[in-house]
Amino acid sequence: MLHELNDKAALSAFGQELNPRSNAICKADMLIKGQKVDNIKLGNTLSNVQLRADMFDYMLSNMPFGCTTLITDSA
């Protein structure tokens, strides 16, 4: 659908995940689909933003449901 709107558009996935298991599953799924995994980071997005220098046209975010601690002392 993206290329129907703009045939020169490029879609790249970036992300940061707090849970090491979810992070690994995400990377494995992306590798299976032939996607680049270097842009998927491990860590807390509230206290350790690892994609701060990047610029994005669009962003999706999930609330951290189920997390008992959202911000650590290092924030």
PDB file of N, CA and C in Angstrom:
ATOM      1  N   MET A   1       0.811  -1.185   0.000  1.00  0.00           N
ATOM      2  CA  MET A   1       0.000   0.000   0.000  1.00  0.00           C
ATOM      3  C   MET A   1       0.863   1.261   0.000  1.00  0.00           C
ATOM      4  N   LEU A   2       2.005   1.228   0.684  1.00  0.00           N
ATOM      5  CA  LEU A   2       2.883   2.393   0.731  1.00  0.00           C
ATOM      6  C   LEU A   2       3.318   2.811  -0.662  1.00  0.00           C
ATOM      7  N   HIS A   3       3.720   1.845  -1.464  1.00  0.00           N
ATOM      8  CA  HIS A   3       4.199   2.171  -2.807  1.00  0.00           C
ATOM      9  C   HIS A   3       3.089   2.591  -3.751  1.00  0.00           C
ATOM     10  N   GLU A   4       1.845   2.314  -3.408  1.00  0.00           N
ATOM     11  CA  GLU A   4       0.732   2.836  -4.191  1.00  0.00           C
ATOM     12  C   GLU A   4       0.613   4.347  -4.006  1.00  0.00           C
ATOM     13  N   LEU A   5       0.969   4.816  -2.824  1.00  0.00           N
ATOM     14  CA  LEU A   5       0.924   6.251  -2.544  1.00  0.00           C
ATOM     15  C   LEU A   5       2.178   6.967  -3.039  1.00  0.00           C
ATOM     16  N   ASN A   6       3.313   6.306  -2.905  1.00  0.00           N
ATOM     17  CA  ASN A   6       4.588   6.894  -3.307  1.00  0.00           C
ATOM     18  C   ASN A   6       5.546   5.761  -3.650  1.00  0.00           C
ATOM     19  N   ASP A   7       5.820   5.579  -4.935  1.00  0.00           N
ATOM     20  CA  ASP A   7       6.658   4.458  -5.362  1.00  0.00           C
ATOM     21  C   ASP A   7       8.121   4.619  -4.966  1.00  0.00           C
ATOM     22  N   LYS A   8       8.526   5.795  -4.492  1.00  0.00           N
ATOM     23  CA  LYS A   8       9.907   6.018  -4.052  1.00  0.00           C
ATOM     24  C   LYS A   8      10.051   5.991  -2.533  1.00  0.00           C
ATOM     25  N   ALA A   9       8.970   5.746  -1.844  1.00  0.00           N
ATOM     26  CA  ALA A   9       8.992   5.746  -0.383  1.00  0.00           C
ATOM     27  C   ALA A   9       9.769   4.545   0.148  1.00  0.00           C
ATOM     28  N   ALA A  10      10.442   4.749   1.270  1.00  0.00           N
ATOM     29  CA  ALA A  10      11.183   3.677   1.940  1.00  0.00           C
ATOM     30  C   ALA A  10      10.641   3.534   3.358  1.00  0.00           C
ATOM     31  N   LEU A  11      10.398   2.320   3.757  1.00  0.00           N
ATOM     32  CA  LEU A  11       9.887   2.038   5.086  1.00  0.00           C
ATOM     33  C   LEU A  11      10.979   1.351   5.900  1.00  0.00           C
ATOM     34  N   SER A  12      11.325   1.934   7.029  1.00  0.00           N
ATOM     35  CA  SER A  12      12.348   1.367   7.916  1.00  0.00           C
ATOM     36  C   SER A  12      11.769   1.250   9.314  1.00  0.00           C
ATOM     37  N   ALA A  13      12.033   0.132   9.957  1.00  0.00           N
ATOM     38  CA  ALA A  13      11.536  -0.084  11.311  1.00  0.00           C
ATOM     39  C   ALA A  13      12.609   0.257  12.338  1.00  0.00           C
ATOM     40  N   PHE A  14      12.219   0.995  13.342  1.00  0.00           N
ATOM     41  CA  PHE A  14      13.068   1.333  14.481  1.00  0.00           C
ATOM     42  C   PHE A  14      12.275   0.992  15.723  1.00  0.00           C
ATOM     43  N   GLY A  15      12.948   0.636  16.795  1.00  0.00           N
ATOM     44  CA  GLY A  15      12.209   0.347  18.012  1.00  0.00           C
ATOM     45  C   GLY A  15      13.115   0.164  19.206  1.00  0.00           C
ATOM     46  N   GLN A  16      12.500   0.221  20.360  1.00  0.00           N
ATOM     47  CA  GLN A  16      13.215  -0.009  21.614  1.00  0.00           C
ATOM     48  C   GLN A  16      12.282  -0.790  22.525  1.00  0.00           C
ATOM     49  N   GLU A  17      12.788  -1.866  23.086  1.00  0.00           N
ATOM     50  CA  GLU A  17      11.979  -2.760  23.919  1.00  0.00           C
ATOM     51  C   GLU A  17      12.667  -2.988  25.251  1.00  0.00           C
ATOM     52  N   LEU A  18      11.908  -2.900  26.308  1.00  0.00           N
ATOM     53  CA  LEU A  18      12.418  -3.090  27.662  1.00  0.00           C
ATOM     54  C   LEU A  18      12.686  -4.557  27.987  1.00  0.00           C
ATOM     55  N   ASN A  19      11.847  -5.443  27.524  1.00  0.00           N
ATOM     56  CA  ASN A  19      11.935  -6.869  27.852  1.00  0.00           C
ATOM     57  C   ASN A  19      12.918  -7.576  26.907  1.00  0.00           C
ATOM     58  N   PRO A  20      13.987  -8.182  27.438  1.00  0.00           N
ATOM     59  CA  PRO A  20      14.976  -8.852  26.587  1.00  0.00           C
ATOM     60  C   PRO A  20      14.383  -9.961  25.715  1.00  0.00           C
ATOM     61  N   ARG A  21      13.428 -10.706  26.238  1.00  0.00           N
ATOM     62  CA  ARG A  21      12.811 -11.785  25.461  1.00  0.00           C
ATOM     63  C   ARG A  21      12.004 -11.220  24.290  1.00  0.00           C
ATOM     64  N   SER A  22      11.220 -10.185  24.541  1.00  0.00           N
ATOM     65  CA  SER A  22      10.442  -9.549  23.467  1.00  0.00           C
ATOM     66  C   SER A  22      11.357  -8.930  22.425  1.00  0.00           C
ATOM     67  N   ASN A  23      12.458  -8.354  22.886  1.00  0.00           N
ATOM     68  CA  ASN A  23      13.433  -7.760  21.972  1.00  0.00           C
ATOM     69  C   ASN A  23      14.020  -8.829  21.055  1.00  0.00           C
ATOM     70  N   ALA A  24      14.367  -9.964  21.609  1.00  0.00           N
ATOM     71  CA  ALA A  24      14.943 -11.059  20.815  1.00  0.00           C
ATOM     72  C   ALA A  24      13.926 -11.623  19.827  1.00  0.00           C
ATOM     73  N   ILE A  25      12.678 -11.771  20.251  1.00  0.00           N
ATOM     74  CA  ILE A  25      11.625 -12.271  19.365  1.00  0.00           C
ATOM     75  C   ILE A  25      11.412 -11.293  18.209  1.00  0.00           C
ATOM     76  N   CYS A  26      11.408 -10.021  18.511  1.00  0.00           N
ATOM     77  CA  CYS A  26      11.247  -8.996  17.482  1.00  0.00           C
ATOM     78  C   CYS A  26      12.361  -9.095  16.451  1.00  0.00           C
ATOM     79  N   LYS A  27      13.604  -9.183  16.925  1.00  0.00           N
ATOM     80  CA  LYS A  27      14.741  -9.259  16.011  1.00  0.00           C
ATOM     81  C   LYS A  27      14.704 -10.537  15.180  1.00  0.00           C
ATOM     82  N   ALA A  28      14.342 -11.643  15.796  1.00  0.00           N
ATOM     83  CA  ALA A  28      14.255 -12.915  15.061  1.00  0.00           C
ATOM     84  C   ALA A  28      13.202 -12.827  13.965  1.00  0.00           C
ATOM     85  N   ASP A  29      12.058 -12.262  14.289  1.00  0.00           N
ATOM     86  CA  ASP A  29      10.987 -12.104  13.300  1.00  0.00           C
ATOM     87  C   ASP A  29      11.436 -11.215  12.141  1.00  0.00           C
ATOM     88  N   MET A  30      12.136 -10.144  12.464  1.00  0.00           N
ATOM     89  CA  MET A  30      12.615  -9.241  11.411  1.00  0.00           C
ATOM     90  C   MET A  30      13.661  -9.918  10.533  1.00  0.00           C
ATOM     91  N   LEU A  31      14.544 -10.705  11.132  1.00  0.00           N
ATOM     92  CA  LEU A  31      15.550 -11.425  10.348  1.00  0.00           C
ATOM     93  C   LEU A  31      14.897 -12.411   9.387  1.00  0.00           C
ATOM     94  N   ILE A  32      13.885 -13.113   9.865  1.00  0.00           N
ATOM     95  CA  ILE A  32      13.162 -14.069   9.016  1.00  0.00           C
ATOM     96  C   ILE A  32      12.548 -13.357   7.815  1.00  0.00           C
ATOM     97  N   LYS A  33      12.100 -12.123   8.024  1.00  0.00           N
ATOM     98  CA  LYS A  33      11.467 -11.350   6.953  1.00  0.00           C
ATOM     99  C   LYS A  33      12.470 -10.555   6.122  1.00  0.00           C
ATOM    100  N   GLY A  34      13.776 -10.716   6.427  1.00  0.00           N
ATOM    101  CA  GLY A  34      14.814 -10.040   5.660  1.00  0.00           C
ATOM    102  C   GLY A  34      14.976  -8.567   5.976  1.00  0.00           C
ATOM    103  N   GLN A  35      14.577  -8.156   7.160  1.00  0.00           N
ATOM    104  CA  GLN A  35      14.673  -6.757   7.553  1.00  0.00           C
ATOM    105  C   GLN A  35      15.904  -6.500   8.409  1.00  0.00           C
ATOM    106  N   LYS A  36      16.318  -5.254   8.470  1.00  0.00           N
ATOM    107  CA  LYS A  36      17.488  -4.833   9.239  1.00  0.00           C
ATOM    108  C   LYS A  36      17.135  -4.759  10.731  1.00  0.00           C
ATOM    109  N   VAL A  37      17.956  -5.368  11.584  1.00  0.00           N
ATOM    110  CA  VAL A  37      17.669  -5.391  13.023  1.00  0.00           C
ATOM    111  C   VAL A  37      18.539  -4.431  13.831  1.00  0.00           C
ATOM    112  N   ASP A  38      19.457  -3.740  13.188  1.00  0.00           N
ATOM    113  CA  ASP A  38      20.347  -2.818  13.910  1.00  0.00           C
ATOM    114  C   ASP A  38      19.595  -1.672  14.572  1.00  0.00           C
ATOM    115  N   ASN A  39      18.403  -1.364  14.092  1.00  0.00           N
ATOM    116  CA  ASN A  39      17.630  -0.249  14.623  1.00  0.00           C
ATOM    117  C   ASN A  39      16.685  -0.637  15.742  1.00  0.00           C
ATOM    118  N   ILE A  40      16.778  -1.881  16.220  1.00  0.00           N
ATOM    119  CA  ILE A  40      15.961  -2.335  17.342  1.00  0.00           C
ATOM    120  C   ILE A  40      16.868  -2.384  18.576  1.00  0.00           C
ATOM    121  N   LYS A  41      16.547  -1.581  19.553  1.00  0.00           N
ATOM    122  CA  LYS A  41      17.391  -1.423  20.737  1.00  0.00           C
ATOM    123  C   LYS A  41      16.738  -2.046  21.964  1.00  0.00           C
ATOM    124  N   LEU A  42      17.565  -2.404  22.936  1.00  0.00           N
ATOM    125  CA  LEU A  42      17.097  -2.956  24.211  1.00  0.00           C
ATOM    126  C   LEU A  42      17.234  -1.888  25.282  1.00  0.00           C
ATOM    127  N   GLY A  43      16.162  -1.620  25.997  1.00  0.00           N
ATOM    128  CA  GLY A  43      16.252  -0.659  27.089  1.00  0.00           C
ATOM    129  C   GLY A  43      14.937   0.039  27.345  1.00  0.00           C
ATOM    130  N   ASN A  44      14.902   0.794  28.424  1.00  0.00           N
ATOM    131  CA  ASN A  44      13.727   1.535  28.861  1.00  0.00           C
ATOM    132  C   ASN A  44      13.640   2.856  28.093  1.00  0.00           C
ATOM    133  N   THR A  45      12.574   3.049  27.330  1.00  0.00           N
ATOM    134  CA  THR A  45      12.425   4.269  26.534  1.00  0.00           C
ATOM    135  C   THR A  45      12.187   5.508  27.390  1.00  0.00           C
ATOM    136  N   LEU A  46      11.771   5.332  28.635  1.00  0.00           N
ATOM    137  CA  LEU A  46      11.527   6.482  29.502  1.00  0.00           C
ATOM    138  C   LEU A  46      12.784   6.949  30.220  1.00  0.00           C
ATOM    139  N   SER A  47      13.697   6.051  30.515  1.00  0.00           N
ATOM    140  CA  SER A  47      14.905   6.444  31.254  1.00  0.00           C
ATOM    141  C   SER A  47      16.190   6.273  30.459  1.00  0.00           C
ATOM    142  N   ASN A  48      16.125   5.624  29.272  1.00  0.00           N
ATOM    143  CA  ASN A  48      17.334   5.372  28.488  1.00  0.00           C
ATOM    144  C   ASN A  48      16.990   5.396  26.994  1.00  0.00           C
ATOM    145  N   VAL A  49      16.632   6.561  26.489  1.00  0.00           N
ATOM    146  CA  VAL A  49      16.256   6.696  25.083  1.00  0.00           C
ATOM    147  C   VAL A  49      17.483   6.465  24.213  1.00  0.00           C
ATOM    148  N   GLN A  50      17.408   5.477  23.316  1.00  0.00           N
ATOM    149  CA  GLN A  50      18.552   5.133  22.485  1.00  0.00           C
ATOM    150  C   GLN A  50      18.401   5.577  21.034  1.00  0.00           C
ATOM    151  N   LEU A  51      17.281   6.162  20.691  1.00  0.00           N
ATOM    152  CA  LEU A  51      17.055   6.619  19.319  1.00  0.00           C
ATOM    153  C   LEU A  51      16.860   8.136  19.281  1.00  0.00           C
ATOM    154  N   ARG A  52      17.412   8.824  20.249  1.00  0.00           N
ATOM    155  CA  ARG A  52      17.220  10.271  20.398  1.00  0.00           C
ATOM    156  C   ARG A  52      17.728  11.062  19.192  1.00  0.00           C
ATOM    157  N   ALA A  53      18.800  10.644  18.585  1.00  0.00           N
ATOM    158  CA  ALA A  53      19.408  11.396  17.478  1.00  0.00           C
ATOM    159  C   ALA A  53      18.678  11.180  16.149  1.00  0.00           C
ATOM    160  N   ASP A  54      17.797  10.199  16.073  1.00  0.00           N
ATOM    161  CA  ASP A  54      17.113   9.889  14.820  1.00  0.00           C
ATOM    162  C   ASP A  54      15.886  10.778  14.633  1.00  0.00           C
ATOM    163  N   MET A  55      15.555  11.029  13.374  1.00  0.00           N
ATOM    164  CA  MET A  55      14.372  11.813  13.015  1.00  0.00           C
ATOM    165  C   MET A  55      13.372  10.897  12.324  1.00  0.00           C
ATOM    166  N   PHE A  56      12.088  11.029  12.665  1.00  0.00           N
ATOM    167  CA  PHE A  56      11.059  10.159  12.121  1.00  0.00           C
ATOM    168  C   PHE A  56       9.902  10.983  11.561  1.00  0.00           C
ATOM    169  N   ASP A  57       9.297  10.485  10.498  1.00  0.00           N
ATOM    170  CA  ASP A  57       8.112  11.112   9.940  1.00  0.00           C
ATOM    171  C   ASP A  57       6.864  10.665  10.693  1.00  0.00           C
ATOM    172  N   TYR A  58       6.839   9.418  11.131  1.00  0.00           N
ATOM    173  CA  TYR A  58       5.707   8.859  11.859  1.00  0.00           C
ATOM    174  C   TYR A  58       6.217   7.987  12.992  1.00  0.00           C
ATOM    175  N   MET A  59       5.433   7.898  14.067  1.00  0.00           N
ATOM    176  CA  MET A  59       5.830   7.074  15.201  1.00  0.00           C
ATOM    177  C   MET A  59       4.592   6.409  15.791  1.00  0.00           C
ATOM    178  N   LEU A  60       4.730   5.150  16.149  1.00  0.00           N
ATOM    179  CA  LEU A  60       3.696   4.415  16.875  1.00  0.00           C
ATOM    180  C   LEU A  60       4.267   4.039  18.222  1.00  0.00           C
ATOM    181  N   SER A  61       3.434   4.023  19.227  1.00  0.00           N
ATOM    182  CA  SER A  61       3.912   3.695  20.558  1.00  0.00           C
ATOM    183  C   SER A  61       2.853   2.898  21.305  1.00  0.00           C
ATOM    184  N   ASN A  62       3.305   1.924  22.064  1.00  0.00           N
ATOM    185  CA  ASN A  62       2.429   1.157  22.944  1.00  0.00           C
ATOM    186  C   ASN A  62       2.684   1.595  24.375  1.00  0.00           C
ATOM    187  N   MET A  63       1.624   1.717  25.135  1.00  0.00           N
ATOM    188  CA  MET A  63       1.788   2.007  26.555  1.00  0.00           C
ATOM    189  C   MET A  63       2.461   0.807  27.223  1.00  0.00           C
ATOM    190  N   PRO A  64       3.292   1.051  28.208  1.00  0.00           N
ATOM    191  CA  PRO A  64       4.008  -0.050  28.880  1.00  0.00           C
ATOM    192  C   PRO A  64       3.128  -0.791  29.880  1.00  0.00           C
ATOM    193  N   PHE A  65       2.044  -1.402  29.384  1.00  0.00           N
ATOM    194  CA  PHE A  65       1.150  -2.163  30.251  1.00  0.00           C
ATOM    195  C   PHE A  65       1.898  -3.337  30.876  1.00  0.00           C
ATOM    196  N   GLY A  66       1.676  -3.582  32.136  1.00  0.00           N
ATOM    197  CA  GLY A  66       2.289  -4.709  32.809  1.00  0.00           C
ATOM    198  C   GLY A  66       3.646  -4.412  33.418  1.00  0.00           C
ATOM    199  N   CYS A  67       4.197  -3.242  33.161  1.00  0.00           N
ATOM    200  CA  CYS A  67       5.485  -2.877  33.770  1.00  0.00           C
ATOM    201  C   CYS A  67       5.236  -2.404  35.191  1.00  0.00           C
ATOM    202  N   THR A  68       5.984  -2.931  36.119  1.00  0.00           N
ATOM    203  CA  THR A  68       5.823  -2.517  37.501  1.00  0.00           C
ATOM    204  C   THR A  68       6.614  -1.253  37.796  1.00  0.00           C
ATOM    205  N   THR A  69       7.692  -1.025  37.070  1.00  0.00           N
ATOM    206  CA  THR A  69       8.503   0.172  37.249  1.00  0.00           C
ATOM    207  C   THR A  69       8.670   0.844  35.897  1.00  0.00           C
ATOM    208  N   LEU A  70       8.178   2.064  35.775  1.00  0.00           N
ATOM    209  CA  LEU A  70       8.285   2.764  34.499  1.00  0.00           C
ATOM    210  C   LEU A  70       9.541   3.613  34.426  1.00  0.00           C
ATOM    211  N   ILE A  71       9.892   4.278  35.503  1.00  0.00           N
ATOM    212  CA  ILE A  71      11.076   5.134  35.509  1.00  0.00           C
ATOM    213  C   ILE A  71      11.992   4.670  36.635  1.00  0.00           C
ATOM    214  N   THR A  72      13.259   4.495  36.303  1.00  0.00           N
ATOM    215  CA  THR A  72      14.217   4.031  37.299  1.00  0.00           C
ATOM    216  C   THR A  72      14.923   5.231  37.947  1.00  0.00           C
ATOM    217  N   ASP A  73      15.733   4.987  38.919  1.00  0.00           N
ATOM    218  CA  ASP A  73      16.474   6.050  39.594  1.00  0.00           C
ATOM    219  C   ASP A  73      17.471   6.732  38.676  1.00  0.00           C
ATOM    220  N   SER A  74      17.874   6.055  37.601  1.00  0.00           N
ATOM    221  CA  SER A  74      18.875   6.625  36.708  1.00  0.00           C
ATOM    222  C   SER A  74      18.289   7.658  35.747  1.00  0.00           C
ATOM    223  N   ALA A  75      16.980   7.866  35.810  1.00  0.00           N
ATOM    224  CA  ALA A  75      16.328   8.822  34.881  1.00  0.00           C
ATOM    225  C   ALA A  75      16.667  10.242  35.263  1.00  0.00           C
TER     226      ALA A  75
END
